[in-house]
C-alpha atoms as a PDB file:
ATOM      1  CA  MET A   1      24.165  23.583  29.785  1.00  0.00           C
ATOM      2  CA  LYS A   2      22.133  20.949  31.582  1.00  0.00           C
ATOM      3  CA  TYR A   3      19.366  19.215  29.616  1.00  0.00           C
ATOM      4  CA  VAL A   4      16.263  17.283  30.561  1.00  0.00           C
ATOM      5  CA  LEU A   5      14.803  15.245  27.695  1.00  0.00           C
ATOM      6  CA  PHE A   6      11.127  14.332  27.452  1.00  0.00           C
ATOM      7  CA  GLY A   7      10.205  11.175  25.552  1.00  0.00           C
ATOM      8  CA  THR A   8      11.875   7.832  24.827  1.00  0.00           C
ATOM      9  CA  GLY A   9      10.153   6.855  21.585  1.00  0.00           C
ATOM     10  CA  ASP A  10      11.070   7.145  17.917  1.00  0.00           C
ATOM     11  CA  TYR A  11      12.070  10.809  18.059  1.00  0.00           C
ATOM     12  CA  TYR A  12      14.310  10.145  21.035  1.00  0.00           C
ATOM     13  CA  LYS A  13      16.150   7.627  18.865  1.00  0.00           C
ATOM     14  CA  ARG A  14      16.318  10.114  15.984  1.00  0.00           C
ATOM     15  CA  PHE A  15      17.762  12.993  17.996  1.00  0.00           C
ATOM     16  CA  ILE A  16      19.604  11.481  20.961  1.00  0.00           C
ATOM     17  CA  SER A  17      22.956  11.597  19.137  1.00  0.00           C
ATOM     18  CA  TRP A  18      22.901  15.394  19.463  1.00  0.00           C
ATOM     19  CA  PHE A  19      23.157  14.987  23.240  1.00  0.00           C
ATOM     20  CA  ASN A  20      25.948  12.409  23.383  1.00  0.00           C
ATOM     21  CA  ASP A  21      28.489  15.063  24.384  1.00  0.00           C
ATOM     22  CA  LYS A  22      26.113  17.106  26.539  1.00  0.00           C
ATOM     23  CA  GLU A  23      25.023  16.900  30.161  1.00  0.00           C
ATOM     24  CA  VAL A  24      21.664  15.135  30.262  1.00  0.00           C
ATOM     25  CA  VAL A  25      20.277  15.273  33.791  1.00  0.00           C
ATOM     26  CA  ALA A  26      17.375  12.904  33.189  1.00  0.00           C
ATOM     27  CA  ILE A  27      14.756  11.704  30.731  1.00  0.00           C
ATOM     28  CA  LEU A  28      11.064  12.191  31.471  1.00  0.00           C
ATOM     29  CA  ASP A  29       8.401   9.843  30.177  1.00  0.00           C
ATOM     30  CA  ASN A  30       4.692   9.303  30.834  1.00  0.00           C
ATOM     31  CA  ASP A  31       5.026   5.542  30.335  1.00  0.00           C
ATOM     32  CA  THR A  32       5.072   4.041  33.840  1.00  0.00           C
ATOM     33  CA  ALA A  33       6.779   0.914  32.484  1.00  0.00           C
ATOM     34  CA  LYS A  34       9.824   3.004  31.524  1.00  0.00           C
ATOM     35  CA  GLN A  35       9.966   5.126  34.655  1.00  0.00           C
ATOM     36  CA  GLU A  36      12.702   4.316  37.191  1.00  0.00           C
ATOM     37  CA  THR A  37      14.748   2.594  34.479  1.00  0.00           C
ATOM     38  CA  VAL A  38      17.962   3.710  32.782  1.00  0.00           C
ATOM     39  CA  ILE A  39      18.279   4.386  29.034  1.00  0.00           C
ATOM     40  CA  ASP A  40      21.669   5.180  27.466  1.00  0.00           C
ATOM     41  CA  GLY A  41      23.000   5.819  30.948  1.00  0.00           C
ATOM     42  CA  HIS A  42      20.299   8.367  31.798  1.00  0.00           C
ATOM     43  CA  PRO A  43      17.645   7.840  34.499  1.00  0.00           C
ATOM     44  CA  VAL A  44      14.065   7.784  33.226  1.00  0.00           C
ATOM     45  CA  LEU A  45      11.730   9.576  35.623  1.00  0.00           C
ATOM     46  CA  PRO A  46       8.042  10.491  35.840  1.00  0.00           C
ATOM     47  CA  PRO A  47       7.327  14.023  34.585  1.00  0.00           C
ATOM     48  CA  ASP A  48       6.520  15.413  38.051  1.00  0.00           C
ATOM     49  CA  ALA A  49      10.135  14.713  39.047  1.00  0.00           C
ATOM     50  CA  VAL A  50      11.142  17.751  36.968  1.00  0.00           C
ATOM     51  CA  SER A  51      10.483  20.010  39.973  1.00  0.00           C
ATOM     52  CA  ASP A  52      13.417  18.379  41.800  1.00  0.00           C
ATOM     53  CA  LEU A  53      15.877  18.688  38.898  1.00  0.00           C
ATOM     54  CA  SER A  54      18.407  21.384  38.057  1.00  0.00           C
ATOM     55  CA  TYR A  55      18.407  22.135  34.310  1.00  0.00           C
ATOM     56  CA  ASP A  56      18.722  24.856  31.705  1.00  0.00           C
ATOM     57  CA  ALA A  57      16.363  23.400  29.109  1.00  0.00           C
ATOM     58  CA  VAL A  58      13.729  20.693  28.717  1.00  0.00           C
ATOM     59  CA  VAL A  59      13.750  19.295  25.168  1.00  0.00           C
ATOM     60  CA  VAL A  60      10.601  17.493  24.021  1.00  0.00           C
ATOM     61  CA  LEU A  61      11.525  14.588  21.744  1.00  0.00           C
ATOM     62  CA  SER A  62       7.968  13.866  20.691  1.00  0.00           C
ATOM     63  CA  PHE A  63       5.414  15.207  18.228  1.00  0.00           C
ATOM     64  CA  TYR A  64       2.878  15.540  21.067  1.00  0.00           C
ATOM     65  CA  ILE A  65       4.327  18.945  21.828  1.00  0.00           C
ATOM     66  CA  LYS A  66       1.027  20.684  22.665  1.00  0.00           C
ATOM     67  CA  GLU A  67       0.061  18.183  25.323  1.00  0.00           C
ATOM     68  CA  ILE A  68       3.553  17.851  26.775  1.00  0.00           C
ATOM     69  CA  ARG A  69       4.138  21.616  26.832  1.00  0.00           C
ATOM     70  CA  LYS A  70       0.907  22.076  28.827  1.00  0.00           C
ATOM     71  CA  GLN A  71       1.936  19.264  31.157  1.00  0.00           C
ATOM     72  CA  LEU A  72       5.321  20.875  31.786  1.00  0.00           C
ATOM     73  CA  LEU A  73       3.820  24.317  32.330  1.00  0.00           C
ATOM     74  CA  ASP A  74       1.383  22.838  34.839  1.00  0.00           C
ATOM     75  CA  LEU A  75       4.377  21.304  36.628  1.00  0.00           C
ATOM     76  CA  GLY A  76       5.990  24.709  36.964  1.00  0.00           C
ATOM     77  CA  VAL A  77       8.483  24.601  34.105  1.00  0.00           C
ATOM     78  CA  HIS A  78       8.993  28.103  32.702  1.00  0.00           C
ATOM     79  CA  SER A  79       7.941  28.437  29.064  1.00  0.00           C
ATOM     80  CA  ASP A  80      11.357  29.856  28.121  1.00  0.00           C
ATOM     81  CA  LYS A  81      12.957  26.573  29.153  1.00  0.00           C
ATOM     82  CA  ILE A  82      10.743  24.333  27.002  1.00  0.00           C
ATOM     83  CA  PHE A  83      12.080  23.421  23.564  1.00  0.00           C
ATOM     84  CA  HIS A  84      10.909  21.087  20.817  1.00  0.00           C
ATOM     85  CA  PHE A  85      13.328  19.126  18.645  1.00  0.00           C
ATOM     86  CA  TYR A  86      12.496  21.587  15.880  1.00  0.00           C
ATOM     87  CA  ASP A  87      13.977  24.284  18.166  1.00  0.00           C
ATOM     88  CA  LEU A  88      17.400  22.662  18.509  1.00  0.00           C
ATOM     89  CA  HIS A  89      18.924  25.051  16.009  1.00  0.00           C
ATOM     90  CA  GLU A  90      18.206  28.144  18.106  1.00  0.00           C
ATOM     91  CA  LEU A  91      18.988  26.281  21.331  1.00  0.00           C
ATOM     92  CA  PHE A  92      22.403  25.091  20.142  1.00  0.00           C
ATOM     93  CA  LEU A  93      23.078  28.434  18.469  1.00  0.00           C
ATOM     94  CA  LYS A  94      22.832  30.055  21.903  1.00  0.00           C
ATOM     95  CA  GLU A  95      25.294  27.485  23.179  1.00  0.00           C
ATOM     96  CA  GLY A  96      27.720  28.263  20.358  1.00  0.00           C
ATOM     97  CA  TYR A  97      27.466  24.719  19.024  1.00  0.00           C
ATOM     98  CA  ILE A  98      26.377  25.428  15.430  1.00  0.00           C
ATOM     99  CA  ASP A  99      29.202  25.348  12.927  1.00  0.00           C
ATOM    100  CA  SER A 100      28.941  24.889   9.164  1.00  0.00           C
ATOM    101  CA  GLY A 101      30.752  22.207   7.182  1.00  0.00           C
ATOM    102  CA  GLU A 102      32.435  22.107   3.821  1.00  0.00           C
ATOM    103  CA  GLY A 103      31.603  19.866   0.890  1.00  0.00           C
ATOM    104  CA  LYS A 104      32.262  19.269  -2.753  1.00  0.00           C
ATOM    105  CA  SER A 105      30.197  21.100  -5.344  1.00  0.00           C
ATOM    106  CA  THR A 106      28.642  19.462  -8.405  1.00  0.00           C
ATOM    107  CA  LYS A 107      26.167  20.811 -10.897  1.00  0.00           C
ATOM    108  CA  SER A 108      23.169  18.684  -9.990  1.00  0.00           C
ATOM    109  CA  VAL A 109      19.872  18.325  -8.205  1.00  0.00           C
ATOM    110  CA  LEU A 110      20.029  17.803  -4.442  1.00  0.00           C
ATOM    111  CA  LEU A 111      17.172  15.739  -3.004  1.00  0.00           C
ATOM    112  CA  LEU A 112      16.808  16.070   0.760  1.00  0.00           C
ATOM    113  CA  SER A 113      14.899  13.405   2.669  1.00  0.00           C
ATOM    114  CA  HIS A 114      14.005  13.356   6.365  1.00  0.00           C
ATOM    115  CA  ASP A 115      15.074   9.693   6.555  1.00  0.00           C
ATOM    116  CA  LEU A 116      15.968   6.617   4.508  1.00  0.00           C
ATOM    117  CA  THR A 117      13.139   4.359   5.629  1.00  0.00           C
ATOM    118  CA  LEU A 118      10.788   2.642   3.197  1.00  0.00           C
ATOM    119  CA  GLY A 119       7.978   5.030   4.135  1.00  0.00           C
ATOM    120  CA  GLY A 120       5.897   6.952   1.605  1.00  0.00           C
ATOM    121  CA  PRO A 121       7.727  10.319   1.514  1.00  0.00           C
ATOM    122  CA  ALA A 122      11.213   8.807   1.221  1.00  0.00           C
ATOM    123  CA  LEU A 123      10.068   6.349  -1.441  1.00  0.00           C
ATOM    124  CA  ALA A 124       8.414   9.158  -3.398  1.00  0.00           C
ATOM    125  CA  LEU A 125      11.702  11.055  -3.399  1.00  0.00           C
ATOM    126  CA  TYR A 126      13.547   7.872  -4.376  1.00  0.00           C
ATOM    127  CA  HIS A 127      11.358   7.469  -7.465  1.00  0.00           C
ATOM    128  CA  ALA A 128      11.840  11.163  -8.228  1.00  0.00           C
ATOM    129  CA  ALA A 129      15.601  10.517  -8.124  1.00  0.00           C
ATOM    130  CA  LEU A 130      15.236   7.678 -10.633  1.00  0.00           C
ATOM    131  CA  ALA A 131      13.091   9.844 -12.925  1.00  0.00           C
ATOM    132  CA  LEU A 132      15.563  12.744 -12.798  1.00  0.00           C
ATOM    133  CA  LYS A 133      18.497  10.410 -13.392  1.00  0.00           C
ATOM    134  CA  SER A 134      16.786   8.868 -16.424  1.00  0.00           C
ATOM    135  CA  GLU A 135      16.384  12.378 -17.863  1.00  0.00           C
ATOM    136  CA  GLY A 136      20.107  13.005 -17.604  1.00  0.00           C
ATOM    137  CA  TYR A 137      20.307  14.996 -14.383  1.00  0.00           C
ATOM    138  CA  GLU A 138      23.108  14.459 -11.888  1.00  0.00           C
ATOM    139  CA  VAL A 139      21.333  13.583  -8.657  1.00  0.00           C
ATOM    140  CA  MET A 140      22.567  13.636  -5.071  1.00  0.00           C
ATOM    141  CA  PHE A 141      20.281  12.080  -2.461  1.00  0.00           C
ATOM    142  CA  ALA A 142      20.887  13.255   1.114  1.00  0.00           C
ATOM    143  CA  SER A 143      19.116  12.364   4.328  1.00  0.00           C
ATOM    144  CA  MET A 144      18.978  13.293   7.994  1.00  0.00           C
ATOM    145  CA  LEU A 145      19.010   9.615   9.013  1.00  0.00           C
ATOM    146  CA  ASP A 146      20.242   6.337   7.553  1.00  0.00           C
ATOM    147  CA  GLY A 147      17.988   3.403   6.693  1.00  0.00           C
ATOM    148  CA  GLU A 148      17.040   0.576   4.348  1.00  0.00           C
ATOM    149  CA  LEU A 149      16.507   2.867   1.364  1.00  0.00           C
ATOM    150  CA  ARG A 150      20.252   3.493   1.121  1.00  0.00           C
ATOM    151  CA  LYS A 151      20.706   0.037  -0.427  1.00  0.00           C
ATOM    152  CA  LYS A 152      18.064   0.739  -3.093  1.00  0.00           C
ATOM    153  CA  LEU A 153      19.719   4.039  -3.964  1.00  0.00           C
ATOM    154  CA  GLU A 154      23.165   2.468  -4.211  1.00  0.00           C
ATOM    155  CA  GLU A 155      21.806  -0.356  -6.376  1.00  0.00           C
ATOM    156  CA  SER A 156      20.317   2.311  -8.663  1.00  0.00           C
ATOM    157  CA  PHE A 157      23.681   4.132  -8.787  1.00  0.00           C
ATOM    158  CA  VAL A 158      22.232   7.207  -7.085  1.00  0.00           C
ATOM    159  CA  PRO A 159      24.854   8.746  -4.771  1.00  0.00           C
ATOM    160  CA  VAL A 160      23.586   9.090  -1.231  1.00  0.00           C
ATOM    161  CA  THR A 161      24.925  10.794   1.857  1.00  0.00           C
ATOM    162  CA  VAL A 162      23.683  11.000   5.436  1.00  0.00           C
ATOM    163  CA  ASP A 163      24.244  14.242   7.334  1.00  0.00           C
ATOM    164  CA  ARG A 164      22.487  14.459  10.692  1.00  0.00           C
ATOM    165  CA  ARG A 165      23.124  18.219  10.717  1.00  0.00           C
ATOM    166  CA  LEU A 166      20.189  18.512   8.298  1.00  0.00           C
ATOM    167  CA  GLN A 167      17.991  18.007  11.357  1.00  0.00           C
ATOM    168  CA  ILE A 168      18.923  21.294  13.008  1.00  0.00           C
ATOM    169  CA  PHE A 169      21.181  23.389  10.727  1.00  0.00           C
ATOM    170  CA  THR A 170      20.031  26.011   8.224  1.00  0.00           C
ATOM    171  CA  MET A 171      20.830  25.983   4.531  1.00  0.00           C
ATOM    172  CA  LYS A 172      23.338  28.827   4.883  1.00  0.00           C
ATOM    173  CA  GLU A 173      25.158  27.003   7.671  1.00  0.00           C
ATOM    174  CA  LEU A 174      25.436  23.787   5.671  1.00  0.00           C
ATOM    175  CA  THR A 175      27.531  25.298   2.908  1.00  0.00           C
ATOM    176  CA  TRP A 176      27.824  22.036   0.976  1.00  0.00           C
ATOM    177  CA  THR A 177      24.102  22.245   0.137  1.00  0.00           C
ATOM    178  CA  ASN A 178      24.528  25.685  -1.403  1.00  0.00           C
ATOM    179  CA  ARG A 179      26.366  24.415  -4.479  1.00  0.00           C
ATOM    180  CA  TYR A 180      23.547  22.754  -6.374  1.00  0.00           C
ATOM    181  CA  ASP A 181      21.383  24.047  -9.201  1.00  0.00           C
ATOM    182  CA  LEU A 182      18.159  22.903  -7.517  1.00  0.00           C
ATOM    183  CA  ILE A 183      17.261  21.622  -4.068  1.00  0.00           C
ATOM    184  CA  VAL A 184      14.167  19.556  -3.311  1.00  0.00           C
ATOM    185  CA  CYS A 185      13.230  19.432   0.381  1.00  0.00           C
ATOM    186  CA  ASN A 186      10.895  16.615   1.333  1.00  0.00           C
ATOM    187  CA  THR A 187       8.384  17.052   4.223  1.00  0.00           C
ATOM    188  CA  ILE A 188       7.853  19.704   6.912  1.00  0.00           C
ATOM    189  CA  ASN A 189      11.007  18.468   8.686  1.00  0.00           C
ATOM    190  CA  PHE A 190      13.071  20.926   6.633  1.00  0.00           C
ATOM    191  CA  ASN A 191      11.438  24.024   8.163  1.00  0.00           C
ATOM    192  CA  THR A 192      14.628  24.888  10.089  1.00  0.00           C
ATOM    193  CA  PHE A 193      16.864  24.202   7.091  1.00  0.00           C
ATOM    194  CA  LEU A 194      14.786  26.617   4.988  1.00  0.00           C
ATOM    195  CA  SER A 195      14.531  29.301   7.674  1.00  0.00           C
ATOM    196  CA  ASP A 196      17.804  30.881   6.509  1.00  0.00           C
ATOM    197  CA  ARG A 197      18.594  30.067   2.909  1.00  0.00           C
ATOM    198  CA  ASN A 198      20.454  31.265  -0.133  1.00  0.00           C
ATOM    199  CA  VAL A 199      17.544  32.512  -2.243  1.00  0.00           C
ATOM    200  CA  LYS A 200      19.647  32.415  -5.407  1.00  0.00           C
ATOM    201  CA  ILE A 201      19.266  28.631  -5.397  1.00  0.00           C
ATOM    202  CA  PRO A 202      15.778  27.487  -6.446  1.00  0.00           C
ATOM    203  CA  VAL A 203      14.020  25.241  -3.946  1.00  0.00           C
ATOM    204  CA  ILE A 204      11.041  22.929  -4.259  1.00  0.00           C
ATOM    205  CA  TRP A 205       9.470  22.146  -0.892  1.00  0.00           C
ATOM    206  CA  TRP A 206       7.437  18.975  -1.251  1.00  0.00           C
ATOM    207  CA  LEU A 207       4.917  18.600   1.578  1.00  0.00           C
ATOM    208  CA  HIS A 208       3.567  15.204   2.640  1.00  0.00           C
ATOM    209  CA  ASP A 209       2.527  15.834   6.251  1.00  0.00           C
ATOM    210  CA  SER A 210      -0.822  16.143   8.008  1.00  0.00           C
ATOM    211  CA  SER A 211      -1.570  19.073  10.326  1.00  0.00           C
ATOM    212  CA  PHE A 212      -0.511  16.990  13.351  1.00  0.00           C
ATOM    213  CA  PHE A 213       3.132  17.240  12.282  1.00  0.00           C
ATOM    214  CA  TYR A 214       2.982  21.043  12.297  1.00  0.00           C
ATOM    215  CA  ASP A 215       2.198  21.267  16.021  1.00  0.00           C
ATOM    216  CA  GLY A 216       5.851  21.398  17.004  1.00  0.00           C
ATOM    217  CA  VAL A 217       6.832  24.029  14.435  1.00  0.00           C
ATOM    218  CA  LYS A 218       6.861  27.638  15.571  1.00  0.00           C
ATOM    219  CA  ALA A 219       4.315  29.567  13.505  1.00  0.00           C
ATOM    220  CA  GLU A 220       6.632  32.560  13.233  1.00  0.00           C
ATOM    221  CA  ARG A 221       9.330  30.395  11.682  1.00  0.00           C
ATOM    222  CA  LEU A 222       6.973  29.209   8.940  1.00  0.00           C
ATOM    223  CA  ARG A 223       5.649  32.723   8.363  1.00  0.00           C
ATOM    224  CA  ASN A 224       9.168  34.153   8.098  1.00  0.00           C
ATOM    225  CA  ILE A 225      10.571  31.663   5.584  1.00  0.00           C
ATOM    226  CA  ASP A 226      11.610  33.596   2.495  1.00  0.00           C
ATOM    227  CA  ILE A 227       9.772  32.049  -0.449  1.00  0.00           C
ATOM    228  CA  THR A 228      11.792  33.924  -3.058  1.00  0.00           C
ATOM    229  CA  ASN A 229      12.772  31.436  -5.767  1.00  0.00           C
ATOM    230  CA  MET A 230      10.866  28.708  -3.904  1.00  0.00           C
ATOM    231  CA  LYS A 231       7.981  26.548  -5.089  1.00  0.00           C
ATOM    232  CA  ILE A 232       5.870  24.821  -2.447  1.00  0.00           C
ATOM    233  CA  VAL A 233       3.996  21.737  -3.621  1.00  0.00           C
ATOM    234  CA  SER A 234       1.849  19.185  -1.847  1.00  0.00           C
ATOM    235  CA  VAL A 235       0.876  15.555  -2.357  1.00  0.00           C
ATOM    236  CA  GLY A 236      -2.760  16.549  -1.856  1.00  0.00           C
ATOM    237  CA  PRO A 237      -5.210  18.738   0.066  1.00  0.00           C
ATOM    238  CA  ILE A 238      -4.256  17.598   3.586  1.00  0.00           C
ATOM    239  CA  PRO A 239      -0.638  18.882   3.580  1.00  0.00           C
ATOM    240  CA  ARG A 240      -1.682  21.894   1.499  1.00  0.00           C
ATOM    241  CA  ASN A 241      -4.375  22.926   3.989  1.00  0.00           C
ATOM    242  CA  ALA A 242      -1.989  22.358   6.912  1.00  0.00           C
ATOM    243  CA  MET A 243       0.535  24.796   5.462  1.00  0.00           C
ATOM    244  CA  LYS A 244      -2.150  27.269   4.378  1.00  0.00           C
ATOM    245  CA  LYS A 245      -2.969  27.882   8.046  1.00  0.00           C
ATOM    246  CA  TYR A 246       0.417  29.558   8.312  1.00  0.00           C
ATOM    247  CA  ARG A 247       1.109  30.802   4.781  1.00  0.00           C
ATOM    248  CA  THR A 248      -2.055  32.175   3.225  1.00  0.00           C
ATOM    249  CA  ASP A 249       0.184  34.254   0.963  1.00  0.00           C
ATOM    250  CA  VAL A 250       1.624  31.228  -0.857  1.00  0.00           C
ATOM    251  CA  ASP A 251       0.193  29.447  -3.880  1.00  0.00           C
ATOM    252  CA  ILE A 252       0.628  25.733  -3.139  1.00  0.00           C
ATOM    253  CA  SER A 253       0.075  23.434  -6.084  1.00  0.00           C
ATOM    254  CA  ASP A 254      -0.197  19.649  -6.118  1.00  0.00           C
ATOM    255  CA  LEU A 255       2.626  17.292  -6.990  1.00  0.00           C
ATOM    256  CA  ILE A 256       1.065  13.873  -6.773  1.00  0.00           C
ATOM    257  CA  TYR A 257       3.256  10.805  -6.750  1.00  0.00           C
ATOM    258  CA  GLY A 258       2.949   7.130  -7.487  1.00  0.00           C
ATOM    259  CA  VAL A 259       5.197   4.561  -5.844  1.00  0.00           C
ATOM    260  CA  SER A 260       5.895   1.195  -7.392  1.00  0.00           C
ATOM    261  CA  ARG A 261       5.099  -1.869  -5.319  1.00  0.00           C
ATOM    262  CA  ASP A 262       8.517  -3.161  -6.268  1.00  0.00           C
ATOM    263  CA  VAL A 263      10.575  -1.363  -3.651  1.00  0.00           C
END
């Protein structure tokens, strides 16, 4: 398949590794300063250049999916060829790329973070790991992306692993995640992971995100997530209300956190 990517910002950096072995025709960007340059060997072009390109899919690597989708549609891109980074699972599944991995099982709590930065959600999960560890639980901390928090976890003797497949694989496909007594998923980023899960394993989905971060998630995916043996909690009313737009059938309680300044 031939891909056109849209966006060169933070989410380009987060997801570009998935395209290292794929044919990327070009990258589109609205920033005129980046246009007519080359990034990672790929030409960066203005969006209207898409009409002259041959491609199978345009993948939006940005959270401004609503605006960019409209822009692409106005430029003549067929809706069936527009994908968000949250759609990579179904896109790569069509391509036959998805394959599950194996891992070692331990009786423990698996904490899944969208990254290992020193941002609020990751730090909240870090302090949860310390609290669980102090209560005698065996804790495994896993993340989609590496970062500075890894050092803090290692210094606290919390095992940590980075598996980029968490970005686009489901729980059933990542078999190593199916061997824990409890899984805690942090942020809306785990909507694909939870879209096909082993409901025998209890899950806590801890929401931190404002409604803006839901724009790129397909409503049907959120509505179809099986909440059997799942507890959805929120850090406050903003994430709770964002999810309630899609899941009015779910009771979402608050799980407030405090983060030490000493991080």
